[in-house]
Structure formats: C-alpha cells, structure tokens
Amino acid sequence: MNEFFALLKKGNRPALLASIMNGAIAVMKAIAFFITGNVAMFAETMHSIGDTANQFFVFIGSALSNKAPTDRFPHGFARLVNLVLLGAVLIVGILAYETIKEGIHHITSPPEAGSWLWLNLLVLGIATILEAIVLYKAMKEVIADIGEENVKGFKVVKMSLTNLGNAKPATKLVFLEDMVATFGAIIAIISILIATYTPFHAAEGYASVVIGLMLFYVVGRIFLDNAAGVLGVADEEMEAKIGELVFEDTHVRDIKKLMVIKEGEELHVELKIEFDPEMSIEKASDVLKVIERKILRERGVTEVIIESDKDDHELSWNPDDHEE
C-alpha cells in the first residue's frame, strides 16, 4: 500500500486537478439540468462527467506507469498509461453517443423556449471560466513537457498549440478535453440565447450534436495516439535530434542503427555506432559512455542500449533523411 501511495505522488498532477475541477463542474451542471431540463445543459453534464472520469483514470494510469520493472514484467509498466487512456476514450465515446442522440431528439421534436434562462447562463458562465483556467494550466504543462520554461501570456497559447504533438499522452488528453469543454460551454450558452430569443427552438439540439461530435474528435485523436503507443511507435523527431547529437563526436564515422521508441511517457533508445577500425576498444568504450550520458540527458529518455562496430565505409545514416 505504501508503494501505491508513493506512485500516486508521481501521477500527472494537471490530470488530477482537472478531474477535481470537472467533478465540481459536473455536479453543478447536473443540478441545473434536473431543475431546467435543458438539453444543452444535459450535453454539458455528460461532457463534464466524462472528463472527470477520464482525467481521474489518466492520473491513476500515469502514476502506475512509474512502477519499477519486476521479474514478471521486466520491461516495466510505461505503456500502462496508453492502455488506461484507451479505456478512458471508451467512456467519452459512450457519452458522446448519448449527447448526439439526445440532441437529434431535441431537433426533431423541439420544445417551446424554456425558463430558467439566467440559471443556465450563470452555471455555464462559471463552468466556462473554470474550464478555461484548467485549459490554461494544461497549456503550461504542454510547454513543460517540451522543456520550455518562463513562458507567459498569449505565448503560452501559441506555443502549446504548436507543440501539442510532443506532449505526454496524459497531458495531451487533458488539453484536448478541456479545450472541447471550454468551447462546448460557450456553444451551449449561444444556443440557449438563440432558443430563448428567436423562434429557432431547436438550436439547443444542434448545440448538443456539435458538442457530441467534438467529443468524438477527442476519442479519435486519443485512440490513434495511444494505440500507437501500446504497439511501440518510433519518435522520428527525437531520432533526428539524437542523430545530430551523436555526430557531434568527431570519433563517430557512421550510425548503423538508431531507433527511439515511445513507451508511455518514456523514450527508449537503441543505437549502433561505427568507429575507425584502428580505434582501440578502450577508447571506443570511453566514447560510448560519453555519448550515452549525453543521450540520457535528453528529456524523456530513460534507457539507452548502445553498441559499436568497425566502419564498413558505407554510409548508413543520412541526416537529410531525418530532418525535423
């Protein structure tokens, strides 16, 4: 049990914060839905419930993925976070389906404009602010994942959107879910105003469908990323970076093999370098140790398997083929 709590301390904190925040938002929206019966509020309630469950699972999965290798699982548990995220998107998929189904029903049989306008707007307005706060924190975590520091203001938004693909799986899920949640709440507010002040009473149903489709986008994006993570996907950008780093050493003649495999939030590097045939074994060993230390300093790299061989005078590594 002590080990379990120690692992929880290593979990993805933005995911835990997002889960707590979305739990409170889900309760608030659910109360408003039971009072008003508003379909847009129903869609937002389903969305927040899904976000709460997902982000809690993400926190647990990211924590347990830090468990040390055992005799039964010698390669460790790094890919566990990918498996947890694959399970999490199933919840989002079910809630997205229910949201769209309810929206279509509202479109085909739109009710008269409902009451409780200000209660709906108040709840959704508070939810939008809270979701935006969590989204901003997720943006800063994306930037932290790529090793940047002291980024502030609007630059946080721009840099996080540009580098989202390089974020950890858990961070990426929190970012996408809270981005959809923030814009979903805004869409819900607009639809309620339209349904209240115009004859277009089906607006809330269309909003529910749009929110459901946004959730399905999250499902597809996260599923594809984490399915690749479970299988063990190559990180081509990091391969190019490590290739450049290796060739900084003047003793290196060629790179015979270089693979960087993502396993959860960790990177595993396999490398085979060619040296001058006249180089002594002792000298080659010293160079390999220096290169290994440099690679291990790269963010996310936890394991380096490195070998050496004699130069065969045939170039295997072409930097132009590995440009970022």
C-alpha atoms as a PDB file:
ATOM      1  CA  MET A   1       0.000   0.000   0.000  1.00  0.00           C
ATOM      2  CA  ASN A   2       2.857   2.382   0.785  1.00  0.00           C
ATOM      3  CA  GLU A   3       4.239   1.750  -2.705  1.00  0.00           C
ATOM      4  CA  PHE A   4       0.851   2.609  -4.220  1.00  0.00           C
ATOM      5  CA  PHE A   5       0.680   5.971  -2.438  1.00  0.00           C
ATOM      6  CA  ALA A   6       4.294   6.676  -3.376  1.00  0.00           C
ATOM      7  CA  LEU A   7       3.398   6.063  -7.022  1.00  0.00           C
ATOM      8  CA  LEU A   8       0.369   8.374  -6.771  1.00  0.00           C
ATOM      9  CA  LYS A   9       2.738  11.228  -5.924  1.00  0.00           C
ATOM     10  CA  LYS A  10       4.315  10.711  -9.371  1.00  0.00           C
ATOM     11  CA  GLY A  11       0.975  10.880 -11.203  1.00  0.00           C
ATOM     12  CA  ASN A  12       0.109  13.583 -13.729  1.00  0.00           C
ATOM     13  CA  ARG A  13      -0.951  16.476 -11.475  1.00  0.00           C
ATOM     14  CA  PRO A  14      -2.754  18.502 -14.182  1.00  0.00           C
ATOM     15  CA  ALA A  15      -4.954  15.431 -14.766  1.00  0.00           C
ATOM     16  CA  LEU A  16      -5.797  15.226 -11.039  1.00  0.00           C
ATOM     17  CA  LEU A  17      -6.533  18.957 -10.860  1.00  0.00           C
ATOM     18  CA  ALA A  18      -8.684  18.739 -13.993  1.00  0.00           C
ATOM     19  CA  SER A  19     -10.569  15.745 -12.575  1.00  0.00           C
ATOM     20  CA  ILE A  20     -11.378  17.538  -9.317  1.00  0.00           C
ATOM     21  CA  MET A  21     -12.395  20.712 -11.131  1.00  0.00           C
ATOM     22  CA  ASN A  22     -14.543  18.869 -13.660  1.00  0.00           C
ATOM     23  CA  GLY A  23     -16.158  16.815 -10.889  1.00  0.00           C
ATOM     24  CA  ALA A  24     -17.350  20.027  -9.240  1.00  0.00           C
ATOM     25  CA  ILE A  25     -18.496  21.400 -12.604  1.00  0.00           C
ATOM     26  CA  ALA A  26     -20.369  18.158 -13.410  1.00  0.00           C
ATOM     27  CA  VAL A  27     -22.312  18.339 -10.119  1.00  0.00           C
ATOM     28  CA  MET A  28     -23.179  21.979 -10.772  1.00  0.00           C
ATOM     29  CA  LYS A  29     -24.363  21.258 -14.318  1.00  0.00           C
ATOM     30  CA  ALA A  30     -26.307  18.166 -13.255  1.00  0.00           C
ATOM     31  CA  ILE A  31     -28.252  20.168 -10.667  1.00  0.00           C
ATOM     32  CA  ALA A  32     -29.016  22.825 -13.273  1.00  0.00           C
ATOM     33  CA  PHE A  33     -30.155  20.157 -15.765  1.00  0.00           C
ATOM     34  CA  PHE A  34     -32.514  18.483 -13.268  1.00  0.00           C
ATOM     35  CA  ILE A  35     -34.044  21.885 -12.493  1.00  0.00           C
ATOM     36  CA  THR A  36     -34.322  23.179 -16.067  1.00  0.00           C
ATOM     37  CA  GLY A  37     -34.399  20.059 -18.273  1.00  0.00           C
ATOM     38  CA  ASN A  38     -32.300  21.981 -20.804  1.00  0.00           C
ATOM     39  CA  VAL A  39     -30.789  19.673 -23.476  1.00  0.00           C
ATOM     40  CA  ALA A  40     -27.681  21.815 -23.954  1.00  0.00           C
ATOM     41  CA  MET A  41     -27.103  21.566 -20.208  1.00  0.00           C
ATOM     42  CA  PHE A  42     -27.584  17.792 -20.499  1.00  0.00           C
ATOM     43  CA  ALA A  43     -24.853  17.668 -23.159  1.00  0.00           C
ATOM     44  CA  GLU A  44     -22.528  19.699 -20.960  1.00  0.00           C
ATOM     45  CA  THR A  45     -23.300  17.497 -17.939  1.00  0.00           C
ATOM     46  CA  MET A  46     -22.417  14.349 -19.912  1.00  0.00           C
ATOM     47  CA  HIS A  47     -19.271  16.048 -21.128  1.00  0.00           C
ATOM     48  CA  SER A  48     -18.115  17.017 -17.638  1.00  0.00           C
ATOM     49  CA  ILE A  49     -18.881  13.557 -16.221  1.00  0.00           C
ATOM     50  CA  GLY A  50     -16.769  12.014 -18.996  1.00  0.00           C
ATOM     51  CA  ASP A  51     -13.948  14.468 -18.389  1.00  0.00           C
ATOM     52  CA  THR A  52     -13.991  13.776 -14.649  1.00  0.00           C
ATOM     53  CA  ALA A  53     -13.784  10.005 -15.083  1.00  0.00           C
ATOM     54  CA  ASN A  54     -11.194  10.160 -17.856  1.00  0.00           C
ATOM     55  CA  GLN A  55      -8.860  12.530 -16.138  1.00  0.00           C
ATOM     56  CA  PHE A  56      -9.028  10.551 -12.908  1.00  0.00           C
ATOM     57  CA  PHE A  57      -8.120   7.373 -14.825  1.00  0.00           C
ATOM     58  CA  VAL A  58      -5.341   9.282 -16.554  1.00  0.00           C
ATOM     59  CA  PHE A  59      -3.928  10.331 -13.183  1.00  0.00           C
ATOM     60  CA  ILE A  60      -4.021   6.748 -11.879  1.00  0.00           C
ATOM     61  CA  GLY A  61      -2.558   5.343 -15.111  1.00  0.00           C
ATOM     62  CA  SER A  62       0.264   7.888 -15.270  1.00  0.00           C
ATOM     63  CA  ALA A  63       1.109   7.113 -11.628  1.00  0.00           C
ATOM     64  CA  LEU A  64       1.132   3.322 -12.015  1.00  0.00           C
ATOM     65  CA  SER A  65       3.204   3.572 -15.203  1.00  0.00           C
ATOM     66  CA  ASN A  66       6.107   4.707 -12.990  1.00  0.00           C
ATOM     67  CA  LYS A  67       6.206   1.355 -11.217  1.00  0.00           C
ATOM     68  CA  ALA A  68       9.649  -0.249 -11.372  1.00  0.00           C
ATOM     69  CA  PRO A  69      10.149  -3.368 -13.571  1.00  0.00           C
ATOM     70  CA  THR A  70       9.534  -6.742 -11.927  1.00  0.00           C
ATOM     71  CA  ASP A  71      10.598 -10.298 -12.723  1.00  0.00           C
ATOM     72  CA  ARG A  72       7.232 -10.881 -14.371  1.00  0.00           C
ATOM     73  CA  PHE A  73       7.269  -7.562 -16.268  1.00  0.00           C
ATOM     74  CA  PRO A  74      10.980  -6.911 -16.929  1.00  0.00           C
ATOM     75  CA  HIS A  75      10.287  -4.084 -19.398  1.00  0.00           C
ATOM     76  CA  GLY A  76       8.394  -2.058 -16.825  1.00  0.00           C
ATOM     77  CA  PHE A  77       4.940  -0.500 -16.920  1.00  0.00           C
ATOM     78  CA  ALA A  78       5.496   2.600 -19.072  1.00  0.00           C
ATOM     79  CA  ARG A  79       2.865   1.574 -21.632  1.00  0.00           C
ATOM     80  CA  LEU A  80       0.220   1.209 -18.932  1.00  0.00           C
ATOM     81  CA  VAL A  81      -0.724   4.866 -19.357  1.00  0.00           C
ATOM     82  CA  ASN A  82      -1.530   4.164 -23.030  1.00  0.00           C
ATOM     83  CA  LEU A  83      -3.771   1.241 -22.061  1.00  0.00           C
ATOM     84  CA  VAL A  84      -5.588   3.340 -19.460  1.00  0.00           C
ATOM     85  CA  LEU A  85      -6.162   6.112 -21.985  1.00  0.00           C
ATOM     86  CA  LEU A  86      -7.573   3.619 -24.498  1.00  0.00           C
ATOM     87  CA  GLY A  87     -10.068   2.563 -21.835  1.00  0.00           C
ATOM     88  CA  ALA A  88     -10.820   6.175 -20.968  1.00  0.00           C
ATOM     89  CA  VAL A  89     -11.812   7.109 -24.516  1.00  0.00           C
ATOM     90  CA  LEU A  90     -14.482   4.380 -24.455  1.00  0.00           C
ATOM     91  CA  ILE A  91     -16.248   6.361 -21.736  1.00  0.00           C
ATOM     92  CA  VAL A  92     -16.036   9.529 -23.816  1.00  0.00           C
ATOM     93  CA  GLY A  93     -17.347   7.633 -26.852  1.00  0.00           C
ATOM     94  CA  ILE A  94     -20.426   6.381 -24.966  1.00  0.00           C
ATOM     95  CA  LEU A  95     -21.194   9.824 -23.570  1.00  0.00           C
ATOM     96  CA  ALA A  96     -20.665  11.401 -26.999  1.00  0.00           C
ATOM     97  CA  TYR A  97     -23.196   8.974 -28.483  1.00  0.00           C
ATOM     98  CA  GLU A  98     -25.769   9.770 -25.788  1.00  0.00           C
ATOM     99  CA  THR A  99     -25.185  13.501 -26.277  1.00  0.00           C
ATOM    100  CA  ILE A 100     -25.734  13.313 -30.035  1.00  0.00           C
ATOM    101  CA  LYS A 101     -28.787  11.058 -29.645  1.00  0.00           C
ATOM    102  CA  GLU A 102     -30.403  13.475 -27.205  1.00  0.00           C
ATOM    103  CA  GLY A 103     -29.567  16.393 -29.485  1.00  0.00           C
ATOM    104  CA  ILE A 104     -31.182  14.732 -32.513  1.00  0.00           C
ATOM    105  CA  HIS A 105     -34.307  14.018 -30.467  1.00  0.00           C
ATOM    106  CA  HIS A 106     -34.410  17.698 -29.484  1.00  0.00           C
ATOM    107  CA  ILE A 107     -34.017  18.757 -33.128  1.00  0.00           C
ATOM    108  CA  THR A 108     -36.829  16.502 -34.385  1.00  0.00           C
ATOM    109  CA  SER A 109     -39.159  17.451 -31.523  1.00  0.00           C
ATOM    110  CA  PRO A 110     -38.086  20.895 -30.333  1.00  0.00           C
ATOM    111  CA  PRO A 111     -39.903  22.093 -27.185  1.00  0.00           C
ATOM    112  CA  GLU A 112     -41.058  25.617 -26.533  1.00  0.00           C
ATOM    113  CA  ALA A 113     -38.476  28.030 -25.162  1.00  0.00           C
ATOM    114  CA  GLY A 114     -37.738  27.046 -21.588  1.00  0.00           C
ATOM    115  CA  SER A 115     -37.495  29.114 -18.450  1.00  0.00           C
ATOM    116  CA  TRP A 116     -34.606  29.348 -16.005  1.00  0.00           C
ATOM    117  CA  LEU A 117     -32.564  31.301 -18.564  1.00  0.00           C
ATOM    118  CA  TRP A 118     -30.379  33.060 -16.020  1.00  0.00           C
ATOM    119  CA  LEU A 119     -29.698  29.901 -14.040  1.00  0.00           C
ATOM    120  CA  ASN A 120     -28.471  28.162 -17.200  1.00  0.00           C
ATOM    121  CA  LEU A 121     -26.335  31.137 -18.195  1.00  0.00           C
ATOM    122  CA  LEU A 122     -24.910  31.514 -14.692  1.00  0.00           C
ATOM    123  CA  VAL A 123     -23.923  27.837 -14.411  1.00  0.00           C
ATOM    124  CA  LEU A 124     -22.435  27.703 -17.908  1.00  0.00           C
ATOM    125  CA  GLY A 125     -20.646  31.021 -17.400  1.00  0.00           C
ATOM    126  CA  ILE A 126     -18.977  29.776 -14.205  1.00  0.00           C
ATOM    127  CA  ALA A 127     -18.163  26.475 -15.934  1.00  0.00           C
ATOM    128  CA  THR A 128     -16.548  28.306 -18.860  1.00  0.00           C
ATOM    129  CA  ILE A 129     -14.287  30.284 -16.542  1.00  0.00           C
ATOM    130  CA  LEU A 130     -13.255  27.201 -14.563  1.00  0.00           C
ATOM    131  CA  GLU A 131     -12.678  25.140 -17.724  1.00  0.00           C
ATOM    132  CA  ALA A 132     -10.575  27.951 -19.193  1.00  0.00           C
ATOM    133  CA  ILE A 133      -8.410  28.009 -16.040  1.00  0.00           C
ATOM    134  CA  VAL A 134      -7.814  24.253 -16.277  1.00  0.00           C
ATOM    135  CA  LEU A 135      -7.139  24.568 -20.022  1.00  0.00           C
ATOM    136  CA  TYR A 136      -4.534  27.257 -19.416  1.00  0.00           C
ATOM    137  CA  LYS A 137      -2.809  25.042 -16.832  1.00  0.00           C
ATOM    138  CA  ALA A 138      -2.844  22.176 -19.353  1.00  0.00           C
ATOM    139  CA  MET A 139      -1.260  24.517 -21.908  1.00  0.00           C
ATOM    140  CA  LYS A 140       1.539  25.321 -19.470  1.00  0.00           C
ATOM    141  CA  GLU A 141       2.032  21.592 -18.846  1.00  0.00           C
ATOM    142  CA  VAL A 142       2.412  21.028 -22.620  1.00  0.00           C
ATOM    143  CA  ILE A 143       5.172  23.634 -22.605  1.00  0.00           C
ATOM    144  CA  ALA A 144       6.789  21.966 -19.575  1.00  0.00           C
ATOM    145  CA  ASP A 145       6.706  18.617 -21.418  1.00  0.00           C
ATOM    146  CA  ILE A 146       8.894  20.051 -24.189  1.00  0.00           C
ATOM    147  CA  GLY A 147      11.356  21.502 -21.675  1.00  0.00           C
ATOM    148  CA  GLU A 148      10.474  25.186 -22.023  1.00  0.00           C
ATOM    149  CA  GLU A 149      10.313  27.477 -19.015  1.00  0.00           C
ATOM    150  CA  ASN A 150       9.282  31.035 -18.130  1.00  0.00           C
ATOM    151  CA  VAL A 151       6.716  31.263 -20.952  1.00  0.00           C
ATOM    152  CA  LYS A 152       3.862  33.643 -20.124  1.00  0.00           C
ATOM    153  CA  GLY A 153       0.823  35.349 -21.578  1.00  0.00           C
ATOM    154  CA  PHE A 154      -0.534  34.651 -25.039  1.00  0.00           C
ATOM    155  CA  LYS A 155       2.739  32.956 -25.952  1.00  0.00           C
ATOM    156  CA  VAL A 156       1.595  30.038 -23.750  1.00  0.00           C
ATOM    157  CA  VAL A 157      -1.428  29.527 -26.024  1.00  0.00           C
ATOM    158  CA  LYS A 158       0.559  29.733 -29.246  1.00  0.00           C
ATOM    159  CA  MET A 159       3.419  27.506 -28.105  1.00  0.00           C
ATOM    160  CA  SER A 160       1.137  24.858 -26.592  1.00  0.00           C
ATOM    161  CA  LEU A 161      -0.920  24.553 -29.775  1.00  0.00           C
ATOM    162  CA  THR A 162       2.232  24.305 -31.880  1.00  0.00           C
ATOM    163  CA  ASN A 163       3.861  21.637 -29.694  1.00  0.00           C
ATOM    164  CA  LEU A 164       0.837  19.601 -28.638  1.00  0.00           C
ATOM    165  CA  GLY A 165       2.078  16.588 -30.608  1.00  0.00           C
ATOM    166  CA  ASN A 166       5.208  16.444 -28.424  1.00  0.00           C
ATOM    167  CA  ALA A 167       3.322  16.467 -25.117  1.00  0.00           C
ATOM    168  CA  LYS A 168       2.956  13.431 -22.877  1.00  0.00           C
ATOM    169  CA  PRO A 169      -0.140  11.288 -23.582  1.00  0.00           C
ATOM    170  CA  ALA A 170      -1.815  12.251 -20.309  1.00  0.00           C
ATOM    171  CA  THR A 171      -1.166  15.964 -20.832  1.00  0.00           C
ATOM    172  CA  LYS A 172      -2.500  15.764 -24.373  1.00  0.00           C
ATOM    173  CA  LEU A 173      -5.773  14.173 -23.238  1.00  0.00           C
ATOM    174  CA  VAL A 174      -6.325  16.791 -20.521  1.00  0.00           C
ATOM    175  CA  PHE A 175      -5.575  19.568 -23.031  1.00  0.00           C
ATOM    176  CA  LEU A 176      -7.964  18.269 -25.701  1.00  0.00           C
ATOM    177  CA  GLU A 177     -10.788  17.510 -23.278  1.00  0.00           C
ATOM    178  CA  ASP A 178     -10.618  20.897 -21.605  1.00  0.00           C
ATOM    179  CA  MET A 179     -10.368  22.711 -24.920  1.00  0.00           C
ATOM    180  CA  VAL A 180     -13.549  20.960 -26.078  1.00  0.00           C
ATOM    181  CA  ALA A 181     -15.164  21.619 -22.678  1.00  0.00           C
ATOM    182  CA  THR A 182     -14.400  25.339 -22.807  1.00  0.00           C
ATOM    183  CA  PHE A 183     -15.688  25.846 -26.335  1.00  0.00           C
ATOM    184  CA  GLY A 184     -18.586  23.453 -25.673  1.00  0.00           C
ATOM    185  CA  ALA A 185     -19.790  25.620 -22.785  1.00  0.00           C
ATOM    186  CA  ILE A 186     -19.605  28.713 -25.000  1.00  0.00           C
ATOM    187  CA  ILE A 187     -21.585  26.928 -27.732  1.00  0.00           C
ATOM    188  CA  ALA A 188     -24.193  25.879 -25.144  1.00  0.00           C
ATOM    189  CA  ILE A 189     -24.573  29.497 -23.947  1.00  0.00           C
ATOM    190  CA  ILE A 190     -25.056  30.766 -27.508  1.00  0.00           C
ATOM    191  CA  SER A 191     -27.612  28.051 -28.294  1.00  0.00           C
ATOM    192  CA  ILE A 192     -29.668  28.815 -25.171  1.00  0.00           C
ATOM    193  CA  LEU A 193     -29.784  32.512 -26.048  1.00  0.00           C
ATOM    194  CA  ILE A 194     -30.847  31.714 -29.625  1.00  0.00           C
ATOM    195  CA  ALA A 195     -33.533  29.257 -28.469  1.00  0.00           C
ATOM    196  CA  THR A 196     -34.869  31.775 -25.943  1.00  0.00           C
ATOM    197  CA  TYR A 197     -34.954  34.936 -28.039  1.00  0.00           C
ATOM    198  CA  THR A 198     -35.701  33.555 -31.528  1.00  0.00           C
ATOM    199  CA  PRO A 199     -38.206  31.067 -32.984  1.00  0.00           C
ATOM    200  CA  PHE A 200     -35.293  28.634 -33.580  1.00  0.00           C
ATOM    201  CA  HIS A 201     -36.009  26.436 -30.548  1.00  0.00           C
ATOM    202  CA  ALA A 202     -34.003  23.530 -31.994  1.00  0.00           C
ATOM    203  CA  ALA A 203     -30.753  25.482 -31.503  1.00  0.00           C
ATOM    204  CA  GLU A 204     -30.018  23.665 -28.245  1.00  0.00           C
ATOM    205  CA  GLY A 205     -30.365  20.318 -30.018  1.00  0.00           C
ATOM    206  CA  TYR A 206     -27.879  21.350 -32.680  1.00  0.00           C
ATOM    207  CA  ALA A 207     -25.516  22.538 -29.953  1.00  0.00           C
ATOM    208  CA  SER A 208     -25.789  19.126 -28.275  1.00  0.00           C
ATOM    209  CA  VAL A 209     -24.916  17.393 -31.566  1.00  0.00           C
ATOM    210  CA  VAL A 210     -21.918  19.702 -32.117  1.00  0.00           C
ATOM    211  CA  ILE A 211     -20.646  19.048 -28.588  1.00  0.00           C
ATOM    212  CA  GLY A 212     -21.051  15.295 -29.149  1.00  0.00           C
ATOM    213  CA  LEU A 213     -19.093  15.474 -32.406  1.00  0.00           C
ATOM    214  CA  MET A 214     -16.332  17.418 -30.648  1.00  0.00           C
ATOM    215  CA  LEU A 215     -16.167  14.614 -28.089  1.00  0.00           C
ATOM    216  CA  PHE A 216     -15.868  12.059 -30.874  1.00  0.00           C
ATOM    217  CA  TYR A 217     -12.924  14.057 -32.246  1.00  0.00           C
ATOM    218  CA  VAL A 218     -11.195  13.675 -28.869  1.00  0.00           C
ATOM    219  CA  VAL A 219     -11.984   9.938 -28.939  1.00  0.00           C
ATOM    220  CA  GLY A 220     -10.419   9.500 -32.397  1.00  0.00           C
ATOM    221  CA  ARG A 221      -7.342  11.600 -31.682  1.00  0.00           C
ATOM    222  CA  ILE A 222      -6.542   9.964 -28.350  1.00  0.00           C
ATOM    223  CA  PHE A 223      -7.328   6.452 -29.589  1.00  0.00           C
ATOM    224  CA  LEU A 224      -4.931   6.701 -32.543  1.00  0.00           C
ATOM    225  CA  ASP A 225      -2.128   8.217 -30.458  1.00  0.00           C
ATOM    226  CA  ASN A 226      -2.360   5.652 -27.673  1.00  0.00           C
ATOM    227  CA  ALA A 227      -2.918   2.646 -29.908  1.00  0.00           C
ATOM    228  CA  ALA A 228       0.410   3.554 -31.494  1.00  0.00           C
ATOM    229  CA  GLY A 229       1.904   3.970 -28.017  1.00  0.00           C
ATOM    230  CA  VAL A 230       0.780   0.495 -26.944  1.00  0.00           C
ATOM    231  CA  LEU A 231       2.371  -1.014 -30.055  1.00  0.00           C
ATOM    232  CA  GLY A 232       5.566   0.999 -29.560  1.00  0.00           C
ATOM    233  CA  VAL A 233       5.799   3.859 -32.044  1.00  0.00           C
ATOM    234  CA  ALA A 234       9.046   5.423 -33.264  1.00  0.00           C
ATOM    235  CA  ASP A 235       9.759   9.048 -32.370  1.00  0.00           C
ATOM    236  CA  GLU A 236      11.245  10.325 -35.634  1.00  0.00           C
ATOM    237  CA  GLU A 237      11.838  13.850 -34.341  1.00  0.00           C
ATOM    238  CA  MET A 238      13.888  12.566 -31.417  1.00  0.00           C
ATOM    239  CA  GLU A 239      15.754  10.175 -33.727  1.00  0.00           C
ATOM    240  CA  ALA A 240      16.871  13.148 -35.832  1.00  0.00           C
ATOM    241  CA  LYS A 241      17.909  15.084 -32.733  1.00  0.00           C
ATOM    242  CA  ILE A 242      19.905  12.185 -31.286  1.00  0.00           C
ATOM    243  CA  GLY A 243      21.492  11.552 -34.694  1.00  0.00           C
ATOM    244  CA  GLU A 244      22.804  15.122 -34.708  1.00  0.00           C
ATOM    245  CA  LEU A 245      23.992  14.765 -31.117  1.00  0.00           C
ATOM    246  CA  VAL A 246      25.907  11.539 -31.903  1.00  0.00           C
ATOM    247  CA  PHE A 247      27.657  13.067 -34.907  1.00  0.00           C
ATOM    248  CA  GLU A 248      28.907  15.937 -32.756  1.00  0.00           C
ATOM    249  CA  ASP A 249      31.562  13.476 -31.592  1.00  0.00           C
ATOM    250  CA  THR A 250      34.353  13.519 -34.171  1.00  0.00           C
ATOM    251  CA  HIS A 251      35.193   9.849 -33.487  1.00  0.00           C
ATOM    252  CA  VAL A 252      31.863   8.691 -34.966  1.00  0.00           C
ATOM    253  CA  ARG A 253      32.101   7.564 -38.596  1.00  0.00           C
ATOM    254  CA  ASP A 254      28.534   6.403 -39.106  1.00  0.00           C
ATOM    255  CA  ILE A 255      25.297   5.390 -37.367  1.00  0.00           C
ATOM    256  CA  LYS A 256      24.433   1.850 -38.355  1.00  0.00           C
ATOM    257  CA  LYS A 257      21.159   1.737 -36.402  1.00  0.00           C
ATOM    258  CA  LEU A 258      19.160   4.271 -34.426  1.00  0.00           C
ATOM    259  CA  MET A 259      15.676   3.689 -33.027  1.00  0.00           C
ATOM    260  CA  VAL A 260      13.814   5.804 -30.493  1.00  0.00           C
ATOM    261  CA  ILE A 261      10.698   4.024 -29.251  1.00  0.00           C
ATOM    262  CA  LYS A 262       7.957   5.680 -27.209  1.00  0.00           C
ATOM    263  CA  GLU A 263       6.725   3.593 -24.315  1.00  0.00           C
ATOM    264  CA  GLY A 264       4.098   5.588 -22.470  1.00  0.00           C
ATOM    265  CA  GLU A 265       5.840   8.757 -21.350  1.00  0.00           C
ATOM    266  CA  GLU A 266       9.316   7.231 -21.706  1.00  0.00           C
ATOM    267  CA  LEU A 267      11.734   7.046 -24.642  1.00  0.00           C
ATOM    268  CA  HIS A 268      13.945   4.011 -25.212  1.00  0.00           C
ATOM    269  CA  VAL A 269      16.948   4.405 -27.496  1.00  0.00           C
ATOM    270  CA  GLU A 270      18.750   1.651 -29.411  1.00  0.00           C
ATOM    271  CA  LEU A 271      21.932   2.759 -31.143  1.00  0.00           C
ATOM    272  CA  LYS A 272      24.765   1.149 -33.090  1.00  0.00           C
ATOM    273  CA  ILE A 273      27.764   3.328 -33.995  1.00  0.00           C
ATOM    274  CA  GLU A 274      30.658   2.707 -36.344  1.00  0.00           C
ATOM    275  CA  PHE A 275      34.197   3.804 -35.439  1.00  0.00           C
ATOM    276  CA  ASP A 276      37.596   3.817 -37.144  1.00  0.00           C
ATOM    277  CA  PRO A 277      38.861   0.192 -37.270  1.00  0.00           C
ATOM    278  CA  GLU A 278      42.169   1.417 -35.793  1.00  0.00           C
ATOM    279  CA  MET A 279      40.496   2.763 -32.647  1.00  0.00           C
ATOM    280  CA  SER A 280      41.261   0.789 -29.503  1.00  0.00           C
ATOM    281  CA  ILE A 281      38.488  -0.968 -27.586  1.00  0.00           C
ATOM    282  CA  GLU A 282      39.261   1.118 -24.524  1.00  0.00           C
ATOM    283  CA  LYS A 283      38.957   4.384 -26.451  1.00  0.00           C
ATOM    284  CA  ALA A 284      35.713   3.255 -28.136  1.00  0.00           C
ATOM    285  CA  SER A 285      34.294   2.333 -24.725  1.00  0.00           C
ATOM    286  CA  ASP A 286      35.077   5.798 -23.345  1.00  0.00           C
ATOM    287  CA  VAL A 287      33.427   7.492 -26.343  1.00  0.00           C
ATOM    288  CA  LEU A 288      30.312   5.314 -25.979  1.00  0.00           C
ATOM    289  CA  LYS A 289      29.978   6.286 -22.313  1.00  0.00           C
ATOM    290  CA  VAL A 290      30.173   9.983 -23.180  1.00  0.00           C
ATOM    291  CA  ILE A 291      27.535   9.621 -25.916  1.00  0.00           C
ATOM    292  CA  GLU A 292      25.271   7.582 -23.637  1.00  0.00           C
ATOM    293  CA  ARG A 293      25.403  10.257 -20.925  1.00  0.00           C
ATOM    294  CA  LYS A 294      24.510  12.938 -23.467  1.00  0.00           C
ATOM    295  CA  ILE A 295      21.509  10.960 -24.754  1.00  0.00           C
ATOM    296  CA  LEU A 296      20.230  10.248 -21.238  1.00  0.00           C
ATOM    297  CA  ARG A 297      20.152  13.992 -20.589  1.00  0.00           C
ATOM    298  CA  GLU A 298      17.543  14.376 -23.342  1.00  0.00           C
ATOM    299  CA  ARG A 299      14.041  14.900 -21.972  1.00  0.00           C
ATOM    300  CA  GLY A 300      12.059  11.677 -21.661  1.00  0.00           C
ATOM    301  CA  VAL A 301      14.933   9.288 -22.416  1.00  0.00           C
ATOM    302  CA  THR A 302      15.114   6.605 -19.716  1.00  0.00           C
ATOM    303  CA  GLU A 303      17.084   3.814 -21.387  1.00  0.00           C
ATOM    304  CA  VAL A 304      19.929   3.688 -23.913  1.00  0.00           C
ATOM    305  CA  ILE A 305      21.204   0.466 -25.474  1.00  0.00           C
ATOM    306  CA  ILE A 306      24.354   1.314 -27.392  1.00  0.00           C
ATOM    307  CA  GLU A 307      26.757  -0.846 -29.409  1.00  0.00           C
ATOM    308  CA  SER A 308      29.827  -0.205 -31.537  1.00  0.00           C
ATOM    309  CA  ASP A 309      31.233  -1.713 -34.721  1.00  0.00           C
ATOM    310  CA  LYS A 310      34.037  -1.105 -37.197  1.00  0.00           C
ATOM    311  CA  ASP A 311      33.444   1.330 -40.017  1.00  0.00           C
ATOM    312  CA  ASP A 312      32.325  -0.575 -43.136  1.00  0.00           C
ATOM    313  CA  HIS A 313      32.902   2.533 -45.326  1.00  0.00           C
ATOM    314  CA  GLU A 314      29.247   2.536 -46.406  1.00  0.00           C
ATOM    315  CA  LEU A 315      27.170   5.468 -45.153  1.00  0.00           C
ATOM    316  CA  SER A 316      24.027   4.187 -43.437  1.00  0.00           C
ATOM    317  CA  TRP A 317      22.844   7.390 -41.771  1.00  0.00           C
ATOM    318  CA  ASN A 318      21.898  10.306 -43.996  1.00  0.00           C
ATOM    319  CA  PRO A 319      20.962  13.417 -41.968  1.00  0.00           C
ATOM    320  CA  ASP A 320      18.825  14.711 -44.858  1.00  0.00           C
ATOM    321  CA  ASP A 321      16.526  11.710 -44.412  1.00  0.00           C
ATOM    322  CA  HIS A 322      15.950  12.566 -40.769  1.00  0.00           C
ATOM    323  CA  GLU A 323      15.261  16.280 -40.829  1.00  0.00           C
ATOM    324  CA  GLU A 324      12.744  17.537 -38.285  1.00  0.00           C
END
